[in-house]
Structures are given as C-alpha cells and as structure tokens.
N, C-alpha and C. Protein backbone atom coordinates (compact mmCIF):
# COMPACT_ATOMS: atom_id res chain seq x y z
N MET A 1 -7.79 -5.10 10.14
CA MET A 1 -7.44 -5.10 8.81
C MET A 1 -5.89 -4.41 8.73
N ALA A 2 -5.36 -5.50 7.69
CA ALA A 2 -4.20 -5.45 7.31
C ALA A 2 -3.45 -3.68 7.16
N ARG A 3 -2.30 -3.37 7.84
CA ARG A 3 -1.69 -2.31 7.87
C ARG A 3 -0.44 -2.08 7.08
N ARG A 4 0.10 -1.22 6.66
CA ARG A 4 1.57 -0.91 6.04
C ARG A 4 2.08 -0.04 7.08
N ILE A 5 3.06 -0.37 7.67
CA ILE A 5 3.75 0.49 8.32
C ILE A 5 5.46 1.49 8.28
N ASP A 6 5.90 2.36 7.48
CA ASP A 6 7.35 2.86 7.00
C ASP A 6 7.61 2.94 8.30
N PHE A 7 8.95 2.46 8.17
CA PHE A 7 10.06 3.08 9.36
C PHE A 7 10.93 3.62 8.62
N TYR A 8 11.75 4.99 8.85
CA TYR A 8 12.92 5.27 8.64
C TYR A 8 13.84 5.46 9.52
N ASP A 9 15.17 4.82 9.36
CA ASP A 9 16.38 4.86 10.29
C ASP A 9 15.81 4.59 11.67
N ASP A 10 14.65 3.97 12.08
CA ASP A 10 14.39 3.94 13.29
C ASP A 10 14.83 2.39 13.91
N PRO A 11 15.20 2.56 15.25
CA PRO A 11 15.73 1.44 15.73
C PRO A 11 14.68 0.49 16.28
N THR A 12 13.53 1.22 16.36
CA THR A 12 12.46 0.14 16.96
C THR A 12 11.68 -0.48 15.39
N ALA A 13 12.82 -0.52 14.14
CA ALA A 13 12.23 -1.12 12.73
C ALA A 13 12.24 -2.74 13.14
N PRO A 14 11.39 -3.56 12.49
CA PRO A 14 11.74 -4.79 12.37
C PRO A 14 12.66 -5.10 11.66
N ALA A 15 13.77 -6.06 11.69
CA ALA A 15 14.68 -6.53 11.03
C ALA A 15 13.90 -6.82 9.65
N PRO A 16 14.77 -6.32 8.35
CA PRO A 16 13.89 -6.45 6.97
C PRO A 16 14.27 -8.26 6.82
N ASN A 17 13.21 -8.80 5.96
CA ASN A 17 13.09 -10.09 5.69
C ASN A 17 12.80 -10.28 4.51
N SER A 18 12.97 -9.21 3.33
CA SER A 18 12.40 -9.05 2.35
C SER A 18 12.86 -7.99 1.50
N LEU A 19 13.53 -8.28 0.38
CA LEU A 19 13.75 -7.31 -0.71
C LEU A 19 12.93 -7.29 -1.99
N VAL A 20 11.86 -6.63 -2.51
CA VAL A 20 11.01 -6.80 -3.53
C VAL A 20 11.22 -5.70 -4.47
N PRO A 21 11.54 -6.02 -5.64
CA PRO A 21 11.52 -4.60 -6.89
C PRO A 21 10.00 -4.16 -6.80
N SER A 22 10.21 -3.12 -7.14
CA SER A 22 9.06 -2.35 -6.94
C SER A 22 8.95 -0.99 -7.98
N VAL A 23 7.64 -0.95 -8.34
CA VAL A 23 7.66 0.42 -9.02
C VAL A 23 7.02 1.35 -8.75
N ASN A 24 7.10 3.00 -8.65
CA ASN A 24 6.02 3.84 -8.58
C ASN A 24 5.84 5.13 -9.61
N VAL A 25 4.72 5.35 -9.86
CA VAL A 25 4.59 6.07 -11.26
C VAL A 25 3.77 7.30 -11.17
N ILE A 26 4.89 8.34 -11.54
CA ILE A 26 4.31 9.91 -11.48
C ILE A 26 3.91 10.11 -12.77
N VAL A 27 1.99 10.18 -12.64
CA VAL A 27 1.47 10.24 -14.19
C VAL A 27 1.35 11.82 -13.93
N VAL A 28 1.58 12.24 -15.09
CA VAL A 28 0.84 14.18 -15.06
C VAL A 28 0.36 14.01 -16.35
N ASN A 29 -1.22 14.63 -16.10
CA ASN A 29 -2.03 14.79 -17.32
C ASN A 29 -1.48 16.28 -17.92
N ASP A 30 -2.73 16.82 -18.80
CA ASP A 30 -2.00 18.16 -19.79
C ASP A 30 -1.88 19.42 -19.09
N ALA A 31 -2.93 19.44 -18.14
CA ALA A 31 -2.72 20.52 -16.74
C ALA A 31 -1.75 20.53 -15.98
N GLY A 32 -0.59 19.41 -16.20
CA GLY A 32 0.53 19.48 -15.27
C GLY A 32 0.11 18.62 -13.74
N ASP A 33 -1.19 18.51 -13.29
CA ASP A 33 -1.66 18.11 -12.28
C ASP A 33 -1.15 16.39 -12.04
N ILE A 34 -0.79 15.95 -10.77
CA ILE A 34 0.03 14.64 -10.76
C ILE A 34 -1.64 13.50 -10.10
N LEU A 35 -1.23 12.21 -10.60
CA LEU A 35 -2.43 11.37 -10.19
C LEU A 35 -2.12 10.92 -8.98
N MET A 36 -3.00 10.77 -7.76
CA MET A 36 -2.13 10.40 -6.43
C MET A 36 -3.78 9.72 -5.97
N ILE A 37 -3.39 8.83 -5.26
CA ILE A 37 -4.23 8.14 -4.59
C ILE A 37 -4.25 8.12 -2.85
N ARG A 38 -5.12 8.22 -2.17
CA ARG A 38 -5.22 7.89 -0.88
C ARG A 38 -5.17 6.26 -0.66
N ARG A 39 -4.02 5.63 0.10
CA ARG A 39 -3.89 3.91 0.22
C ARG A 39 -5.19 3.93 1.39
N THR A 40 -5.57 2.51 1.24
CA THR A 40 -6.30 2.07 2.10
C THR A 40 -5.57 1.32 3.25
N ASP A 41 -4.33 1.26 3.24
CA ASP A 41 -3.40 0.29 4.06
C ASP A 41 -2.89 1.29 5.12
N ASN A 42 -2.94 2.40 5.20
CA ASN A 42 -2.21 3.52 5.96
C ASN A 42 -2.89 5.08 5.92
N ASP A 43 -3.88 4.80 5.10
CA ASP A 43 -4.54 6.36 4.88
C ASP A 43 -3.66 7.55 4.41
N ASN A 44 -2.37 7.12 4.22
CA ASN A 44 -1.54 8.01 3.65
C ASN A 44 -1.48 8.12 1.62
N TRP A 45 -1.22 9.21 1.44
CA TRP A 45 -1.07 9.68 0.02
C TRP A 45 -0.12 9.78 -0.90
N ALA A 46 0.08 8.83 -1.79
CA ALA A 46 0.79 8.19 -2.80
C ALA A 46 0.54 8.09 -4.33
N VAL A 47 1.69 7.95 -4.85
CA VAL A 47 1.53 7.81 -6.43
C VAL A 47 1.16 6.09 -6.55
N PRO A 48 0.59 6.17 -7.39
CA PRO A 48 0.19 4.23 -7.81
C PRO A 48 1.97 3.36 -7.83
N GLY A 49 1.66 2.59 -7.31
CA GLY A 49 2.70 1.41 -7.66
C GLY A 49 2.70 0.40 -7.07
N GLY A 50 3.51 -0.74 -6.94
CA GLY A 50 3.42 -2.00 -6.61
C GLY A 50 4.88 -2.69 -6.86
N ALA A 51 4.43 -4.15 -6.72
CA ALA A 51 5.72 -5.13 -6.87
C ALA A 51 5.34 -5.09 -8.44
N ILE A 52 6.79 -5.64 -9.09
CA ILE A 52 7.06 -6.25 -10.49
C ILE A 52 6.89 -7.56 -10.20
N ASP A 53 5.60 -8.15 -10.86
CA ASP A 53 5.38 -9.60 -11.21
C ASP A 53 6.69 -10.39 -11.98
N LEU A 54 6.86 -11.79 -11.39
CA LEU A 54 7.41 -12.82 -12.37
C LEU A 54 7.22 -12.47 -13.80
N GLY A 55 8.05 -12.49 -14.86
CA GLY A 55 7.25 -12.54 -16.23
C GLY A 55 7.07 -11.10 -16.92
N GLU A 56 7.42 -10.05 -15.94
CA GLU A 56 6.61 -9.08 -16.17
C GLU A 56 7.94 -7.76 -16.40
N SER A 57 7.89 -6.99 -17.30
CA SER A 57 8.89 -5.98 -17.41
C SER A 57 8.66 -4.35 -16.56
N LEU A 58 9.46 -3.60 -16.27
CA LEU A 58 9.37 -2.39 -15.58
C LEU A 58 8.24 -1.84 -15.80
N PRO A 59 7.96 -1.39 -17.35
CA PRO A 59 7.13 -0.77 -17.78
C PRO A 59 5.38 -1.11 -17.46
N GLN A 60 5.82 -2.92 -18.15
CA GLN A 60 4.34 -3.54 -17.91
C GLN A 60 4.08 -3.25 -16.29
N ALA A 61 4.79 -3.50 -15.44
CA ALA A 61 4.40 -3.52 -14.03
C ALA A 61 4.09 -1.94 -13.83
N ALA A 62 4.41 -1.16 -14.16
CA ALA A 62 3.95 0.47 -14.06
C ALA A 62 2.75 0.28 -14.50
N ILE A 63 2.46 -0.08 -16.11
CA ILE A 63 1.13 0.48 -16.68
C ILE A 63 0.02 -0.38 -15.63
N ARG A 64 0.54 -1.74 -15.38
CA ARG A 64 -0.53 -2.69 -14.50
C ARG A 64 -0.91 -1.67 -13.56
N GLU A 65 0.12 -1.69 -12.72
CA GLU A 65 -0.35 -1.04 -11.08
C GLU A 65 -1.24 0.15 -11.34
N THR A 66 -0.75 1.13 -11.95
CA THR A 66 -1.27 2.35 -12.41
C THR A 66 -2.75 2.32 -12.53
N LEU A 67 -3.24 1.08 -13.30
CA LEU A 67 -4.25 0.72 -14.02
C LEU A 67 -5.21 0.11 -12.93
N GLU A 68 -4.81 -0.86 -12.22
CA GLU A 68 -5.40 -1.43 -11.00
C GLU A 68 -5.45 -0.54 -9.89
N GLU A 69 -4.53 0.32 -9.52
CA GLU A 69 -5.10 1.32 -8.27
C GLU A 69 -5.75 2.41 -8.78
N THR A 70 -6.04 2.86 -9.70
CA THR A 70 -6.33 4.33 -10.49
C THR A 70 -7.73 4.10 -11.27
N GLY A 71 -7.60 3.38 -12.24
CA GLY A 71 -8.44 3.21 -13.50
C GLY A 71 -7.81 3.98 -14.53
N ILE A 72 -6.70 4.38 -14.46
CA ILE A 72 -6.29 5.32 -15.61
C ILE A 72 -5.30 4.24 -16.41
N THR A 73 -5.24 4.27 -17.62
CA THR A 73 -4.26 3.73 -18.59
C THR A 73 -3.17 4.66 -18.69
N CYS A 74 -1.77 4.36 -18.67
CA CYS A 74 -0.85 5.50 -18.67
C CYS A 74 0.24 4.91 -19.99
N GLU A 75 1.05 5.83 -20.21
CA GLU A 75 2.16 5.76 -20.97
C GLU A 75 3.41 6.11 -20.20
N ILE A 76 4.46 4.98 -20.28
CA ILE A 76 5.76 5.51 -19.90
C ILE A 76 6.47 6.72 -20.60
N THR A 77 6.79 7.47 -19.88
CA THR A 77 7.55 8.76 -20.33
C THR A 77 9.14 8.87 -19.78
N GLY A 78 9.22 8.38 -18.81
CA GLY A 78 10.55 8.95 -18.38
C GLY A 78 10.99 8.34 -16.93
N LEU A 79 11.78 8.53 -16.39
CA LEU A 79 12.64 8.02 -15.48
C LEU A 79 12.79 9.03 -14.42
N VAL A 80 12.27 9.04 -13.06
CA VAL A 80 12.74 10.19 -11.79
C VAL A 80 14.02 9.58 -10.98
N GLY A 81 13.92 8.03 -10.77
CA GLY A 81 14.77 7.64 -9.75
C GLY A 81 15.02 6.14 -9.65
N THR A 82 15.83 5.86 -8.70
CA THR A 82 15.80 4.47 -8.22
C THR A 82 15.71 4.95 -6.50
N TYR A 83 15.45 3.97 -5.64
CA TYR A 83 15.30 4.46 -4.33
C TYR A 83 15.40 2.80 -3.46
N THR A 84 16.71 2.91 -2.88
CA THR A 84 17.31 1.38 -2.22
C THR A 84 17.32 1.85 -0.87
N ASP A 85 17.27 2.57 -0.33
CA ASP A 85 18.15 2.79 1.04
C ASP A 85 17.11 1.93 1.97
N PRO A 86 18.60 1.39 2.66
CA PRO A 86 18.27 0.13 3.76
C PRO A 86 17.76 0.56 4.90
N ARG A 87 17.87 1.72 5.43
CA ARG A 87 17.41 2.50 6.46
C ARG A 87 15.56 2.84 6.39
N HIS A 88 15.01 2.32 4.95
CA HIS A 88 13.50 2.36 4.99
C HIS A 88 13.19 1.15 4.74
N VAL A 89 12.39 0.60 5.95
CA VAL A 89 11.95 -0.68 6.37
C VAL A 89 10.04 -0.52 6.12
N ILE A 90 9.50 -1.37 5.44
CA ILE A 90 8.17 -1.29 5.40
C ILE A 90 7.48 -2.51 6.00
N LEU A 91 6.71 -2.61 7.30
CA LEU A 91 6.18 -3.67 7.50
C LEU A 91 4.80 -3.81 7.24
N TYR A 92 4.69 -5.49 6.75
CA TYR A 92 3.23 -5.63 6.23
C TYR A 92 2.57 -6.22 7.41
N THR A 93 1.42 -5.75 7.89
CA THR A 93 1.30 -6.36 9.45
C THR A 93 0.51 -7.99 8.79
N SER A 94 -0.14 -7.77 7.88
CA SER A 94 -1.22 -9.01 7.40
C SER A 94 -0.21 -10.75 7.30
N ASN A 95 1.11 -10.45 7.32
CA ASN A 95 1.99 -11.20 7.00
C ASN A 95 3.43 -11.06 7.61
N GLY A 96 3.42 -10.24 8.23
CA GLY A 96 5.01 -10.02 8.63
C GLY A 96 5.77 -9.75 7.94
N GLU A 97 5.91 -9.41 6.60
CA GLU A 97 6.86 -9.24 5.62
C GLU A 97 7.60 -7.61 6.21
N ALA A 98 8.54 -7.59 6.36
CA ALA A 98 9.42 -6.50 6.84
C ALA A 98 10.34 -6.24 5.63
N ARG A 99 9.70 -5.42 4.54
CA ARG A 99 10.57 -5.06 3.26
C ARG A 99 11.26 -4.15 3.22
N GLN A 100 12.72 -4.16 2.78
CA GLN A 100 13.91 -3.32 2.91
C GLN A 100 13.08 -2.29 1.38
N GLU A 101 13.22 -1.17 1.51
CA GLU A 101 13.19 -0.04 0.10
C GLU A 101 13.90 -1.05 -1.05
N PHE A 102 13.16 -0.80 -2.27
CA PHE A 102 13.71 -1.33 -3.47
C PHE A 102 12.97 -0.49 -4.54
N SER A 103 12.46 0.55 -5.01
CA SER A 103 11.80 0.84 -5.90
C SER A 103 12.20 1.79 -6.77
N ILE A 104 11.56 1.89 -8.00
CA ILE A 104 12.06 2.47 -9.27
C ILE A 104 10.83 3.44 -9.69
N VAL A 105 11.10 4.67 -9.78
CA VAL A 105 10.00 5.84 -10.00
C VAL A 105 9.96 6.63 -11.52
N LEU A 106 9.18 5.96 -11.80
CA LEU A 106 8.76 6.35 -13.59
C LEU A 106 7.94 7.76 -13.62
N THR A 107 8.04 8.30 -14.71
CA THR A 107 6.86 9.17 -15.28
C THR A 107 6.04 8.50 -16.36
N ALA A 108 4.96 9.03 -16.19
CA ALA A 108 4.08 8.73 -17.30
C ALA A 108 2.99 9.74 -17.89
N ARG A 109 2.20 9.51 -18.65
CA ARG A 109 1.15 10.44 -19.13
C ARG A 109 -0.20 9.62 -19.15
N PRO A 110 -1.43 10.39 -18.98
CA PRO A 110 -2.37 9.38 -19.01
C PRO A 110 -3.00 9.05 -20.66
N VAL A 111 -3.24 8.15 -21.19
CA VAL A 111 -3.78 7.47 -22.06
C VAL A 111 -5.51 7.26 -22.17
N SER A 112 -6.26 6.99 -21.11
CA SER A 112 -7.62 6.70 -20.81
C SER A 112 -7.81 6.47 -19.71
N GLY A 113 -9.13 6.48 -18.91
CA GLY A 113 -9.90 6.08 -18.21
C GLY A 113 -9.90 7.17 -17.27
N GLU A 114 -10.79 6.99 -16.16
CA GLU A 114 -11.24 8.14 -15.08
C GLU A 114 -10.80 7.52 -13.85
N PRO A 115 -10.35 8.54 -12.89
CA PRO A 115 -9.73 8.19 -11.50
C PRO A 115 -10.77 7.31 -10.92
N THR A 116 -10.47 5.95 -10.39
CA THR A 116 -11.57 5.17 -9.81
C THR A 116 -10.96 4.64 -8.56
N PRO A 117 -11.53 4.69 -7.31
CA PRO A 117 -10.69 4.00 -6.49
C PRO A 117 -10.93 2.22 -6.49
N SER A 118 -9.68 1.81 -5.56
CA SER A 118 -9.68 0.16 -5.72
C SER A 118 -9.92 -0.04 -4.28
N ASP A 119 -9.46 -1.62 -4.52
CA ASP A 119 -9.18 -2.11 -2.78
C ASP A 119 -7.80 -1.85 -2.36
N GLU A 120 -6.92 -1.13 -2.76
CA GLU A 120 -6.14 -0.37 -2.47
C GLU A 120 -5.71 1.16 -2.11
N SER A 121 -6.77 1.73 -3.00
CA SER A 121 -7.11 3.16 -3.15
C SER A 121 -8.57 3.58 -2.50
N ARG A 122 -8.35 4.33 -1.46
CA ARG A 122 -9.62 4.61 -1.08
C ARG A 122 -10.41 6.07 -1.62
N GLU A 123 -9.45 6.59 -2.54
CA GLU A 123 -9.55 7.92 -2.96
C GLU A 123 -8.72 7.96 -4.46
N VAL A 124 -8.96 8.34 -5.67
CA VAL A 124 -7.56 8.74 -6.46
C VAL A 124 -8.50 9.97 -7.15
N ARG A 125 -6.97 10.88 -7.45
CA ARG A 125 -7.90 12.36 -8.22
C ARG A 125 -6.38 13.22 -8.65
N TRP A 126 -6.54 13.86 -9.24
CA TRP A 126 -5.79 14.35 -10.00
C TRP A 126 -5.06 15.74 -9.21
N VAL A 127 -4.04 15.76 -8.70
CA VAL A 127 -3.72 17.16 -7.68
C VAL A 127 -3.03 17.97 -8.34
N PRO A 128 -3.46 19.50 -8.28
CA PRO A 128 -2.18 20.39 -9.09
C PRO A 128 -1.02 20.20 -7.95
N ARG A 129 -0.29 20.59 -8.77
CA ARG A 129 1.44 20.67 -7.87
C ARG A 129 1.47 21.53 -6.61
N ASP A 130 0.90 22.68 -6.58
CA ASP A 130 0.98 23.83 -5.43
C ASP A 130 0.18 23.05 -4.47
N GLN A 131 -0.56 21.74 -4.87
CA GLN A 131 -1.14 21.42 -3.24
C GLN A 131 -0.45 20.17 -2.85
N ILE A 132 0.40 19.81 -3.54
CA ILE A 132 0.77 18.11 -3.08
C ILE A 132 1.42 18.64 -1.61
N ASP A 133 2.08 19.46 -1.44
CA ASP A 133 2.56 19.28 0.12
C ASP A 133 1.63 19.54 1.17
N SER A 134 0.38 20.27 0.83
CA SER A 134 -0.64 19.84 1.69
C SER A 134 -1.35 18.84 2.25
N LEU A 135 -0.85 17.61 1.19
CA LEU A 135 -1.03 16.21 1.28
C LEU A 135 -0.47 15.44 2.40
N THR A 136 -1.13 14.54 3.27
CA THR A 136 -0.19 13.71 4.00
C THR A 136 0.05 12.59 3.63
N MET A 137 1.66 11.99 3.53
CA MET A 137 2.06 11.22 2.68
C MET A 137 3.48 10.77 3.57
N ASP A 138 3.99 9.53 3.44
CA ASP A 138 4.82 9.07 4.03
C ASP A 138 6.51 10.10 3.63
N ARG A 139 7.62 9.96 4.34
CA ARG A 139 8.76 11.20 3.67
C ARG A 139 9.31 10.21 2.28
N SER A 140 8.92 8.95 2.49
CA SER A 140 9.93 8.60 0.90
C SER A 140 8.80 8.76 -0.04
N MET A 141 7.67 8.98 0.05
CA MET A 141 6.81 9.45 -1.03
C MET A 141 7.39 10.97 -1.28
N ARG A 142 7.20 11.56 -0.30
CA ARG A 142 7.53 13.24 -0.55
C ARG A 142 8.77 13.29 -1.13
N LEU A 143 9.88 12.56 -0.52
CA LEU A 143 11.12 12.55 -1.15
C LEU A 143 11.22 12.33 -2.88
N ARG A 144 10.52 11.37 -2.66
CA ARG A 144 10.19 10.86 -4.61
C ARG A 144 9.71 12.04 -5.41
N LEU A 145 8.58 12.53 -4.86
CA LEU A 145 7.79 13.43 -5.72
C LEU A 145 8.77 14.80 -5.77
N GLY A 146 9.27 14.91 -4.60
CA GLY A 146 10.39 16.26 -4.75
C GLY A 146 11.58 16.35 -5.79
N HIS A 147 12.05 15.07 -5.68
CA HIS A 147 12.60 14.60 -7.10
C HIS A 147 12.38 15.04 -8.41
N PHE A 148 10.99 14.49 -8.39
CA PHE A 148 10.34 15.00 -9.63
C PHE A 148 10.13 16.35 -9.95
N LEU A 149 9.65 17.17 -8.94
CA LEU A 149 9.21 18.17 -9.06
C LEU A 149 10.39 18.99 -9.20
N ASP A 150 11.88 18.76 -8.73
CA ASP A 150 13.15 19.58 -8.98
C ASP A 150 13.27 19.53 -10.21
N GLY A 151 13.38 18.49 -10.59
CA GLY A 151 13.47 17.84 -12.20
C GLY A 151 15.12 17.70 -12.49
N ALA A 152 16.02 17.69 -11.70
CA ALA A 152 17.48 17.48 -11.54
C ALA A 152 17.70 16.28 -12.23
N GLY A 153 17.13 15.42 -12.97
CA GLY A 153 17.60 14.28 -13.28
C GLY A 153 17.18 13.35 -12.31
N PRO A 154 17.48 12.27 -12.96
CA PRO A 154 17.10 10.85 -12.25
C PRO A 154 18.20 10.75 -10.86
N HIS A 155 17.37 10.24 -9.82
CA HIS A 155 17.98 10.32 -8.43
C HIS A 155 18.35 8.85 -8.30
N ILE A 156 19.62 8.47 -7.69
CA ILE A 156 20.18 7.68 -7.78
C ILE A 156 20.48 7.06 -6.04
N GLY A 157 19.67 6.35 -5.81
CA GLY A 157 19.78 6.01 -4.15
C GLY A 157 19.28 4.75 -3.54
C-alpha cells in the first residue's frame, strides 16, 4: 500500500524533489466541532485538503478536496495561515515524490452533506474542540489546528 511519511528537521529525510501548492480546510459546524478525517495513507487524523489543480483557484480546490474526502460541501470563510517550512518533507512511497511543504490553510462552514469516508479517508467525523488533542496526527497538522484554535490571526511561515 502506498504511504505518506512526514519528516520534520530530520537528517534521514529524503531531499525534496517537488513543491506542490496545496490547501487544507478547517471546517467548523454550528456546534463548533471540526471536520476531521483519518487518512488512509498514514492512519493519522487531519483536516481535509490536497493539491491545487491547474485551472483551479485556491477556494475551488478547498471546496473540491473537502467534498472528495469527506462528503461535505463547504463555503470558505477565512484564512488560518501559510505553511512553507522547508524542514517539513513529505515522502510518497508510491512514486518516490519527496515534497517540500507548501500549504495554505483556510476556514470554512458546512453547507450540505454528511460525513462520508473516501479512498483517502478511512473515517470522517465532527470532532469537538476539546477532543482534538487526543487524536493521533502529524506535528504539522497539530500546529495548523493550534494556530486556528489560538485565533491569533493569519500565520505566515
């Protein structure tokens, strides 16, 4: 099975061979719960997201990725920040791609749909904010959620 392996400031990480603009989306429902997926490629919890396709805007990619991975149609409401730390390298074992982090994190609200797993998400659910810390996730995802929960304004990094 193809895997995603995240490295951070790790001397054993492969040298990056790609840089792909991507988006993550923190979707918050009326109860304040956050839409989370359990990824199929590494079993970690994350917010939905993925690469921005050619011919697609950032908001279009965010809405598409959220729908594909969760079954939820969303409306973009704001910006959490930018994440471009070259010390974060993501290895995709299916093709040997070693991607340098480049992600823009947006906020959104749900418009329609029900949480539904996909090929990329083995589990999808609304998670109360006080349960986020108990989920297994990569440090980069925890950092992004922490910036959102802190509400300190857009992170530039």
